[in-house]
C-alpha atoms as a PDB file:
ATOM      1  CA  UNK A   1       0.823   6.080  27.616  1.00  0.00           C
ATOM      2  CA  UNK A   2       4.112   4.385  27.390  1.00  0.00           C
ATOM      3  CA  UNK A   3       6.319   7.777  27.671  1.00  0.00           C
ATOM      4  CA  UNK A   4       9.626   5.500  26.637  1.00  0.00           C
ATOM      5  CA  UNK A   5       8.046   4.540  23.473  1.00  0.00           C
ATOM      6  CA  UNK A   6      10.537   6.025  20.531  1.00  0.00           C
ATOM      7  CA  UNK A   7       9.160   8.944  18.520  1.00  0.00           C
ATOM      8  CA  UNK A   8       8.117   8.423  14.816  1.00  0.00           C
ATOM      9  CA  UNK A   9      11.130   9.549  12.628  1.00  0.00           C
ATOM     10  CA  UNK A  10      11.462  10.082   8.719  1.00  0.00           C
ATOM     11  CA  UNK A  11      12.584   6.163   7.704  1.00  0.00           C
ATOM     12  CA  UNK A  12      15.080   7.806   5.170  1.00  0.00           C
ATOM     13  CA  UNK A  13      17.180   8.403   8.040  1.00  0.00           C
ATOM     14  CA  UNK A  14      17.970   4.481   8.109  1.00  0.00           C
ATOM     15  CA  UNK A  15      18.241   3.897   4.525  1.00  0.00           C
ATOM     16  CA  UNK A  16      21.376   3.192   2.784  1.00  0.00           C
ATOM     17  CA  UNK A  17      20.458   3.066  -0.679  1.00  0.00           C
ATOM     18  CA  UNK A  18      18.555   5.874  -2.929  1.00  0.00           C
ATOM     19  CA  UNK A  19      15.164   6.292  -3.369  1.00  0.00           C
ATOM     20  CA  UNK A  20      13.665   4.920  -6.909  1.00  0.00           C
ATOM     21  CA  UNK A  21      14.828   7.073  -9.853  1.00  0.00           C
ATOM     22  CA  UNK A  22      12.260   8.514 -12.417  1.00  0.00           C
ATOM     23  CA  UNK A  23      11.020   5.750 -14.991  1.00  0.00           C
ATOM     24  CA  UNK A  24      11.584   8.110 -17.942  1.00  0.00           C
ATOM     25  CA  UNK A  25      11.799  11.439 -19.251  1.00  0.00           C
ATOM     26  CA  UNK A  26       8.095  12.217 -20.053  1.00  0.00           C
ATOM     27  CA  UNK A  27       5.572  11.109 -23.118  1.00  0.00           C
ATOM     28  CA  UNK A  28       2.292   9.479 -23.214  1.00  0.00           C
ATOM     29  CA  UNK A  29       1.841   6.278 -21.335  1.00  0.00           C
ATOM     30  CA  UNK A  30      -1.175   4.437 -22.768  1.00  0.00           C
ATOM     31  CA  UNK A  31      -3.257   2.843 -19.644  1.00  0.00           C
ATOM     32  CA  UNK A  32      -4.059  -0.888 -20.053  1.00  0.00           C
ATOM     33  CA  UNK A  33      -7.271  -1.903 -19.508  1.00  0.00           C
ATOM     34  CA  UNK A  34      -6.853  -5.431 -19.452  1.00  0.00           C
ATOM     35  CA  UNK A  35      -5.288  -5.137 -15.903  1.00  0.00           C
ATOM     36  CA  UNK A  36      -8.832  -4.246 -14.456  1.00  0.00           C
ATOM     37  CA  UNK A  37     -11.008  -6.662 -13.021  1.00  0.00           C
ATOM     38  CA  UNK A  38     -14.697  -7.663 -14.468  1.00  0.00           C
ATOM     39  CA  UNK A  39     -17.625  -5.495 -12.638  1.00  0.00           C
ATOM     40  CA  UNK A  40     -19.508  -8.740 -12.635  1.00  0.00           C
ATOM     41  CA  UNK A  41     -17.501 -11.011 -10.618  1.00  0.00           C
ATOM     42  CA  UNK A  42     -19.521 -13.855  -9.020  1.00  0.00           C
ATOM     43  CA  UNK A  43     -17.139 -15.185  -6.680  1.00  0.00           C
ATOM     44  CA  UNK A  44     -16.688 -11.767  -5.097  1.00  0.00           C
ATOM     45  CA  UNK A  45     -20.793 -11.555  -4.121  1.00  0.00           C
ATOM     46  CA  UNK A  46     -21.405  -8.062  -3.660  1.00  0.00           C
ATOM     47  CA  UNK A  47     -20.602  -7.444  -7.131  1.00  0.00           C
ATOM     48  CA  UNK A  48     -23.366  -9.237  -8.494  1.00  0.00           C
ATOM     49  CA  UNK A  49     -25.615  -6.552  -7.277  1.00  0.00           C
ATOM     50  CA  UNK A  50     -24.105  -3.390  -7.852  1.00  0.00           C
ATOM     51  CA  UNK A  51     -22.041  -4.224 -11.283  1.00  0.00           C
ATOM     52  CA  UNK A  52     -23.855  -2.024 -13.911  1.00  0.00           C
ATOM     53  CA  UNK A  53     -26.082  -3.572 -16.715  1.00  0.00           C
ATOM     54  CA  UNK A  54     -26.136  -0.371 -18.758  1.00  0.00           C
ATOM     55  CA  UNK A  55     -23.706   1.631 -20.541  1.00  0.00           C
ATOM     56  CA  UNK A  56     -22.102   4.290 -18.380  1.00  0.00           C
ATOM     57  CA  UNK A  57     -22.800   7.827 -18.515  1.00  0.00           C
ATOM     58  CA  UNK A  58     -20.072  10.476 -18.806  1.00  0.00           C
ATOM     59  CA  UNK A  59     -21.020  13.806 -16.745  1.00  0.00           C
ATOM     60  CA  UNK A  60     -18.906  16.576 -16.491  1.00  0.00           C
ATOM     61  CA  UNK A  61     -17.627  18.014 -13.387  1.00  0.00           C
ATOM     62  CA  UNK A  62     -19.254  21.132 -11.701  1.00  0.00           C
ATOM     63  CA  UNK A  63     -16.950  23.665 -10.219  1.00  0.00           C
ATOM     64  CA  UNK A  64     -17.290  22.680  -6.716  1.00  0.00           C
ATOM     65  CA  UNK A  65     -15.840  18.934  -8.183  1.00  0.00           C
ATOM     66  CA  UNK A  66     -13.014  20.212  -9.561  1.00  0.00           C
ATOM     67  CA  UNK A  67     -11.840  23.393  -7.520  1.00  0.00           C
ATOM     68  CA  UNK A  68     -10.624  22.982  -3.802  1.00  0.00           C
ATOM     69  CA  UNK A  69     -10.003  21.798  -1.235  1.00  0.00           C
ATOM     70  CA  UNK A  70      -6.534  23.024  -0.687  1.00  0.00           C
ATOM     71  CA  UNK A  71      -4.193  21.150   2.104  1.00  0.00           C
ATOM     72  CA  UNK A  72      -1.491  22.971   3.674  1.00  0.00           C
ATOM     73  CA  UNK A  73       1.006  21.630   6.917  1.00  0.00           C
ATOM     74  CA  UNK A  74      -0.923  23.650   9.080  1.00  0.00           C
ATOM     75  CA  UNK A  75      -3.896  21.482   8.546  1.00  0.00           C
ATOM     76  CA  UNK A  76      -2.494  18.433   9.897  1.00  0.00           C
ATOM     77  CA  UNK A  77      -1.475  17.522  13.707  1.00  0.00           C
ATOM     78  CA  UNK A  78       1.742  16.200  15.078  1.00  0.00           C
ATOM     79  CA  UNK A  79       0.534  12.716  15.751  1.00  0.00           C
ATOM     80  CA  UNK A  80      -1.652  12.584  12.376  1.00  0.00           C
ATOM     81  CA  UNK A  81       0.533  10.076  10.792  1.00  0.00           C
ATOM     82  CA  UNK A  82       1.472   7.905  13.996  1.00  0.00           C
ATOM     83  CA  UNK A  83      -1.396   5.544  14.803  1.00  0.00           C
ATOM     84  CA  UNK A  84       0.460   4.063  17.656  1.00  0.00           C
ATOM     85  CA  UNK A  85       0.073   7.582  19.538  1.00  0.00           C
ATOM     86  CA  UNK A  86      -2.809   9.416  17.973  1.00  0.00           C
ATOM     87  CA  UNK A  87      -5.676   7.871  19.642  1.00  0.00           C
ATOM     88  CA  UNK A  88      -3.946   6.235  22.899  1.00  0.00           C
ATOM     89  CA  UNK A  89      -5.501   6.798  26.225  1.00  0.00           C
ATOM     90  CA  UNK A  90      -3.440   4.782  28.633  1.00  0.00           C
ATOM     91  CA  UNK A  91      -0.598   2.856  26.811  1.00  0.00           C
ATOM     92  CA  UNK A  92       0.361   1.631  23.194  1.00  0.00           C
ATOM     93  CA  UNK A  93      -2.105  -0.392  21.300  1.00  0.00           C
ATOM     94  CA  UNK A  94      -1.630  -4.376  21.022  1.00  0.00           C
ATOM     95  CA  UNK A  95       0.032  -5.782  18.087  1.00  0.00           C
ATOM     96  CA  UNK A  96       3.007  -5.701  15.871  1.00  0.00           C
ATOM     97  CA  UNK A  97       4.630  -2.121  15.460  1.00  0.00           C
ATOM     98  CA  UNK A  98       5.413  -0.967  11.552  1.00  0.00           C
ATOM     99  CA  UNK A  99       6.359   1.490   9.625  1.00  0.00           C
ATOM    100  CA  UNK A 100       4.713   2.095   6.134  1.00  0.00           C
ATOM    101  CA  UNK A 101       6.603   4.460   3.682  1.00  0.00           C
ATOM    102  CA  UNK A 102       6.774   5.247   0.183  1.00  0.00           C
ATOM    103  CA  UNK A 103       6.312   7.831  -2.696  1.00  0.00           C
ATOM    104  CA  UNK A 104       3.145   9.414  -4.622  1.00  0.00           C
ATOM    105  CA  UNK A 105       4.272   8.996  -8.133  1.00  0.00           C
ATOM    106  CA  UNK A 106       3.217  10.162 -12.024  1.00  0.00           C
ATOM    107  CA  UNK A 107       3.440   8.133 -14.743  1.00  0.00           C
ATOM    108  CA  UNK A 108       7.136   9.133 -15.231  1.00  0.00           C
ATOM    109  CA  UNK A 109       8.161   8.229 -11.577  1.00  0.00           C
ATOM    110  CA  UNK A 110       8.427  11.743 -10.505  1.00  0.00           C
ATOM    111  CA  UNK A 111       7.546  12.514  -7.143  1.00  0.00           C
ATOM    112  CA  UNK A 112       3.782  14.310  -6.411  1.00  0.00           C
ATOM    113  CA  UNK A 113       4.415  16.686  -3.742  1.00  0.00           C
ATOM    114  CA  UNK A 114       1.764  18.330  -1.118  1.00  0.00           C
ATOM    115  CA  UNK A 115      -0.343  15.031  -1.705  1.00  0.00           C
ATOM    116  CA  UNK A 116      -2.607  14.400   1.046  1.00  0.00           C
ATOM    117  CA  UNK A 117      -2.548  10.919   1.906  1.00  0.00           C
ATOM    118  CA  UNK A 118      -5.110   9.146   4.137  1.00  0.00           C
ATOM    119  CA  UNK A 119      -5.149   5.710   5.611  1.00  0.00           C
ATOM    120  CA  UNK A 120      -7.119   3.651   7.869  1.00  0.00           C
ATOM    121  CA  UNK A 121      -7.315   0.064   8.940  1.00  0.00           C
ATOM    122  CA  UNK A 122      -8.242  -2.854  11.469  1.00  0.00           C
ATOM    123  CA  UNK A 123      -6.680  -3.446  14.579  1.00  0.00           C
ATOM    124  CA  UNK A 124      -4.177  -6.195  15.300  1.00  0.00           C
ATOM    125  CA  UNK A 125      -7.120  -8.844  15.775  1.00  0.00           C
ATOM    126  CA  UNK A 126      -8.674  -7.714  12.589  1.00  0.00           C
ATOM    127  CA  UNK A 127     -11.717  -5.554  13.813  1.00  0.00           C
ATOM    128  CA  UNK A 128     -12.662  -1.739  12.846  1.00  0.00           C
ATOM    129  CA  UNK A 129     -13.171   1.053  15.240  1.00  0.00           C
ATOM    130  CA  UNK A 130     -16.888   1.052  13.667  1.00  0.00           C
ATOM    131  CA  UNK A 131     -20.364   0.621  14.943  1.00  0.00           C
ATOM    132  CA  UNK A 132     -20.859  -1.831  12.318  1.00  0.00           C
ATOM    133  CA  UNK A 133     -18.180  -3.857  12.766  1.00  0.00           C
ATOM    134  CA  UNK A 134     -19.463  -7.034  15.264  1.00  0.00           C
ATOM    135  CA  UNK A 135     -16.707  -9.243  14.795  1.00  0.00           C
ATOM    136  CA  UNK A 136     -15.566 -11.357  17.913  1.00  0.00           C
ATOM    137  CA  UNK A 137     -12.008  -9.799  17.686  1.00  0.00           C
ATOM    138  CA  UNK A 138     -11.965  -7.042  20.872  1.00  0.00           C
ATOM    139  CA  UNK A 139     -11.345  -3.199  20.225  1.00  0.00           C
ATOM    140  CA  UNK A 140      -8.273  -1.981  21.261  1.00  0.00           C
ATOM    141  CA  UNK A 141      -9.054   1.047  23.567  1.00  0.00           C
ATOM    142  CA  UNK A 142      -5.749   2.816  22.499  1.00  0.00           C
ATOM    143  CA  UNK A 143      -6.010   2.004  18.761  1.00  0.00           C
ATOM    144  CA  UNK A 144      -8.369   4.485  16.716  1.00  0.00           C
ATOM    145  CA  UNK A 145      -6.907   3.204  12.898  1.00  0.00           C
ATOM    146  CA  UNK A 146      -6.876   6.232  10.746  1.00  0.00           C
ATOM    147  CA  UNK A 147      -4.735   9.052  10.278  1.00  0.00           C
ATOM    148  CA  UNK A 148      -3.211  10.947   7.386  1.00  0.00           C
ATOM    149  CA  UNK A 149      -0.013  12.706   5.991  1.00  0.00           C
ATOM    150  CA  UNK A 150       1.109  15.521   3.295  1.00  0.00           C
ATOM    151  CA  UNK A 151       3.897  14.216   0.849  1.00  0.00           C
ATOM    152  CA  UNK A 152       6.728  16.309   1.100  1.00  0.00           C
ATOM    153  CA  UNK A 153       8.223  17.886  -2.001  1.00  0.00           C
ATOM    154  CA  UNK A 154       9.775  14.492  -3.512  1.00  0.00           C
ATOM    155  CA  UNK A 155       6.194  12.785  -2.856  1.00  0.00           C
ATOM    156  CA  UNK A 156       7.262  11.040  -0.149  1.00  0.00           C
ATOM    157  CA  UNK A 157       5.056   9.836   2.818  1.00  0.00           C
ATOM    158  CA  UNK A 158       5.348   7.611   5.728  1.00  0.00           C
ATOM    159  CA  UNK A 159       3.512   6.751   9.063  1.00  0.00           C
ATOM    160  CA  UNK A 160       3.950   4.447  11.863  1.00  0.00           C
ATOM    161  CA  UNK A 161       1.005   1.829  13.227  1.00  0.00           C
ATOM    162  CA  UNK A 162       0.160  -1.820  14.027  1.00  0.00           C
ATOM    163  CA  UNK A 163       0.032  -4.283  11.344  1.00  0.00           C
ATOM    164  CA  UNK A 164      -3.644  -5.251  10.938  1.00  0.00           C
ATOM    165  CA  UNK A 165      -5.126  -8.793  11.130  1.00  0.00           C
ATOM    166  CA  UNK A 166      -7.087 -10.562   8.613  1.00  0.00           C
ATOM    167  CA  UNK A 167     -10.740 -10.609   9.741  1.00  0.00           C
ATOM    168  CA  UNK A 168     -13.449 -13.037   8.029  1.00  0.00           C
ATOM    169  CA  UNK A 169     -16.509 -11.079   6.061  1.00  0.00           C
ATOM    170  CA  UNK A 170     -19.898 -12.649   5.100  1.00  0.00           C
ATOM    171  CA  UNK A 171     -19.172 -13.239   1.103  1.00  0.00           C
ATOM    172  CA  UNK A 172     -18.825 -16.891   0.847  1.00  0.00           C
ATOM    173  CA  UNK A 173     -18.787 -19.794   3.779  1.00  0.00           C
ATOM    174  CA  UNK A 174     -15.253 -19.052   5.523  1.00  0.00           C
ATOM    175  CA  UNK A 175     -13.946 -15.988   3.163  1.00  0.00           C
ATOM    176  CA  UNK A 176     -11.393 -14.077   4.927  1.00  0.00           C
ATOM    177  CA  UNK A 177      -9.902 -10.786   3.991  1.00  0.00           C
ATOM    178  CA  UNK A 178      -5.678 -10.671   4.183  1.00  0.00           C
ATOM    179  CA  UNK A 179      -4.300  -7.925   6.284  1.00  0.00           C
ATOM    180  CA  UNK A 180      -4.526  -4.404   4.251  1.00  0.00           C
ATOM    181  CA  UNK A 181      -4.486  -0.822   5.018  1.00  0.00           C
ATOM    182  CA  UNK A 182      -6.875   1.306   2.949  1.00  0.00           C
ATOM    183  CA  UNK A 183      -5.350   4.675   1.225  1.00  0.00           C
ATOM    184  CA  UNK A 184      -6.947   7.652  -0.125  1.00  0.00           C
ATOM    185  CA  UNK A 185      -4.843  10.183  -2.321  1.00  0.00           C
ATOM    186  CA  UNK A 186      -6.424  13.711  -2.947  1.00  0.00           C
ATOM    187  CA  UNK A 187      -5.707  15.526  -6.253  1.00  0.00           C
ATOM    188  CA  UNK A 188      -6.498  19.478  -6.005  1.00  0.00           C
ATOM    189  CA  UNK A 189     -10.045  18.618  -5.823  1.00  0.00           C
ATOM    190  CA  UNK A 190     -13.139  16.809  -4.530  1.00  0.00           C
ATOM    191  CA  UNK A 191     -13.400  14.667  -7.648  1.00  0.00           C
ATOM    192  CA  UNK A 192      -9.564  13.753  -7.795  1.00  0.00           C
ATOM    193  CA  UNK A 193      -9.590  11.229  -5.112  1.00  0.00           C
ATOM    194  CA  UNK A 194      -8.087   7.921  -5.910  1.00  0.00           C
ATOM    195  CA  UNK A 195      -8.775   5.111  -3.133  1.00  0.00           C
ATOM    196  CA  UNK A 196      -6.752   1.867  -2.973  1.00  0.00           C
ATOM    197  CA  UNK A 197      -5.582  -1.204  -0.314  1.00  0.00           C
ATOM    198  CA  UNK A 198      -2.149  -2.330   0.490  1.00  0.00           C
ATOM    199  CA  UNK A 199      -1.168  -5.766   1.545  1.00  0.00           C
ATOM    200  CA  UNK A 200       1.743  -7.503   3.096  1.00  0.00           C
ATOM    201  CA  UNK A 201       4.314  -9.817   1.419  1.00  0.00           C
ATOM    202  CA  UNK A 202       3.969 -13.232   2.102  1.00  0.00           C
ATOM    203  CA  UNK A 203       0.402 -13.004   3.371  1.00  0.00           C
ATOM    204  CA  UNK A 204      -0.897 -16.501   2.834  1.00  0.00           C
ATOM    205  CA  UNK A 205      -4.575 -14.955   2.332  1.00  0.00           C
ATOM    206  CA  UNK A 206      -3.786 -12.865  -0.732  1.00  0.00           C
ATOM    207  CA  UNK A 207      -4.181 -16.115  -3.430  1.00  0.00           C
ATOM    208  CA  UNK A 208      -7.219 -17.012  -1.997  1.00  0.00           C
ATOM    209  CA  UNK A 209      -9.015 -13.917  -1.246  1.00  0.00           C
ATOM    210  CA  UNK A 210     -12.108 -13.299  -3.301  1.00  0.00           C
ATOM    211  CA  UNK A 211     -11.852  -9.699  -3.793  1.00  0.00           C
ATOM    212  CA  UNK A 212      -8.311  -9.909  -5.127  1.00  0.00           C
ATOM    213  CA  UNK A 213      -8.697 -12.769  -7.275  1.00  0.00           C
ATOM    214  CA  UNK A 214     -10.790 -10.760  -9.486  1.00  0.00           C
ATOM    215  CA  UNK A 215      -7.739  -8.900 -10.828  1.00  0.00           C
ATOM    216  CA  UNK A 216      -6.380 -10.646 -13.963  1.00  0.00           C
ATOM    217  CA  UNK A 217      -2.879  -9.460 -14.094  1.00  0.00           C
ATOM    218  CA  UNK A 218      -0.595 -10.632 -11.656  1.00  0.00           C
ATOM    219  CA  UNK A 219       1.818  -7.416 -11.799  1.00  0.00           C
ATOM    220  CA  UNK A 220      -1.091  -5.246 -11.266  1.00  0.00           C
ATOM    221  CA  UNK A 221      -1.941  -7.519  -8.255  1.00  0.00           C
ATOM    222  CA  UNK A 222       1.896  -7.305  -7.129  1.00  0.00           C
ATOM    223  CA  UNK A 223       1.919  -3.494  -7.089  1.00  0.00           C
ATOM    224  CA  UNK A 224      -0.862  -3.765  -4.074  1.00  0.00           C
ATOM    225  CA  UNK A 225       1.480  -5.660  -2.225  1.00  0.00           C
ATOM    226  CA  UNK A 226       3.857  -4.157  -0.126  1.00  0.00           C
ATOM    227  CA  UNK A 227       7.461  -5.572   0.504  1.00  0.00           C
ATOM    228  CA  UNK A 228       9.318  -5.672   3.715  1.00  0.00           C
ATOM    229  CA  UNK A 229      12.267  -2.833   3.836  1.00  0.00           C
ATOM    230  CA  UNK A 230      14.415  -3.744   6.506  1.00  0.00           C
ATOM    231  CA  UNK A 231      16.854  -0.882   5.464  1.00  0.00           C
ATOM    232  CA  UNK A 232      13.811   1.633   6.808  1.00  0.00           C
ATOM    233  CA  UNK A 233      13.251  -0.393  10.091  1.00  0.00           C
ATOM    234  CA  UNK A 234      13.673   0.901  13.272  1.00  0.00           C
ATOM    235  CA  UNK A 235      15.815  -1.755  15.362  1.00  0.00           C
ATOM    236  CA  UNK A 236      14.067  -3.079  18.377  1.00  0.00           C
ATOM    237  CA  UNK A 237      10.933  -1.337  17.635  1.00  0.00           C
ATOM    238  CA  UNK A 238       9.233  -1.556  14.052  1.00  0.00           C
ATOM    239  CA  UNK A 239       9.811  -3.515  10.735  1.00  0.00           C
ATOM    240  CA  UNK A 240       9.014  -1.192   7.751  1.00  0.00           C
ATOM    241  CA  UNK A 241       7.099  -1.683   4.606  1.00  0.00           C
ATOM    242  CA  UNK A 242       7.654   0.265   1.276  1.00  0.00           C
ATOM    243  CA  UNK A 243       4.474   1.126  -0.562  1.00  0.00           C
ATOM    244  CA  UNK A 244       4.727   3.531  -3.484  1.00  0.00           C
ATOM    245  CA  UNK A 245       1.320   4.884  -5.288  1.00  0.00           C
ATOM    246  CA  UNK A 246       1.593   5.267  -9.067  1.00  0.00           C
ATOM    247  CA  UNK A 247      -1.069   7.992 -10.114  1.00  0.00           C
ATOM    248  CA  UNK A 248      -1.508   6.892 -14.061  1.00  0.00           C
ATOM    249  CA  UNK A 249      -0.020   5.100 -16.987  1.00  0.00           C
ATOM    250  CA  UNK A 250       1.060   1.286 -17.270  1.00  0.00           C
ATOM    251  CA  UNK A 251       2.581   1.275 -14.306  1.00  0.00           C
ATOM    252  CA  UNK A 252      -0.189   2.691 -12.167  1.00  0.00           C
ATOM    253  CA  UNK A 253      -1.287   1.345  -8.964  1.00  0.00           C
ATOM    254  CA  UNK A 254      -4.845  -0.414  -9.232  1.00  0.00           C
ATOM    255  CA  UNK A 255      -7.325   2.159  -7.691  1.00  0.00           C
ATOM    256  CA  UNK A 256     -10.986   0.398  -6.735  1.00  0.00           C
ATOM    257  CA  UNK A 257     -12.976   3.493  -7.602  1.00  0.00           C
ATOM    258  CA  UNK A 258     -11.389   4.007 -10.812  1.00  0.00           C
ATOM    259  CA  UNK A 259     -12.011   0.618 -12.519  1.00  0.00           C
ATOM    260  CA  UNK A 260     -12.270   1.837 -15.720  1.00  0.00           C
ATOM    261  CA  UNK A 261      -8.659   3.163 -15.567  1.00  0.00           C
ATOM    262  CA  UNK A 262      -7.047   6.267 -14.563  1.00  0.00           C
END
C-alpha cells in the first residue's frame, strides 16, 4: 500500500460556501406519482417479466420489520468510508480518485442524523467484484467496491473511492450502463431501506441508458446526477461530487425499490 497517499478528511474543510439550507418550515408535501417510470417498460427488457399484471396487495409490517436494527458509530471501521484503502493489498486501486459527499435530508431540507448509508460500485474498468460478473475488464486486486458511513448530526456523509467505469449489459444490442454508484439508506427498521443510484454530471451515456430513459420527469432524473464540486475537492489528489439524498416529498430522490412513491 502506498504509505504516502493522503488520508481521507471531511470535504467540508475545503468548502467556502455554507451547506444547503432547509427548504421550508414544515407542512405536508404531497408526493408526485407522475415522476415515476411505468412498471412495464419494453425498452428496459427485464421489466417486461417482472412488472405486475394484477393489483398490488398492502401487507402490514411485522414486529421484526418495524423494529431494529440500531446502528452506532462503534459498528463501523475506520476505513469503511475509504474505498481506496479498505480493500487494498499492495497498492492503491487503479482509476480516477474521487470524493462523494452530501446530506441525507427530509422533505423540508433538514438533515437526518445517524443514518446508515451503504454504497457499492464497479471498479474503474466497469467490473464488479462478483462471481456472476463476467465482463472482460480485469478485477482490480486492490479494490473491493463497497463501503458504508453514518450521517452526522446534520445528516452529512462522505466517502472516497475511484470513479467507476461504464459497462455493457444484456438488455438489447449495444446497451451500456453509465458510470454509477449504488446507494442504500437505512432507517430505524429492516423495512425502512431505500435504494437508489448516483450518476455523474456530463456522462454522455445518461440520455441513452434504457433504465434511465424510463423516468418520465427530467427533474427527477436530474436529482440522480451528482454535480462536480471543486470546492470540496482535494488539490492534486481527488475531485469531488455532491449527492444529496431527499427521503420524502416533492423533491425526493427516485428510489428504485419504492417505485410507487415514498
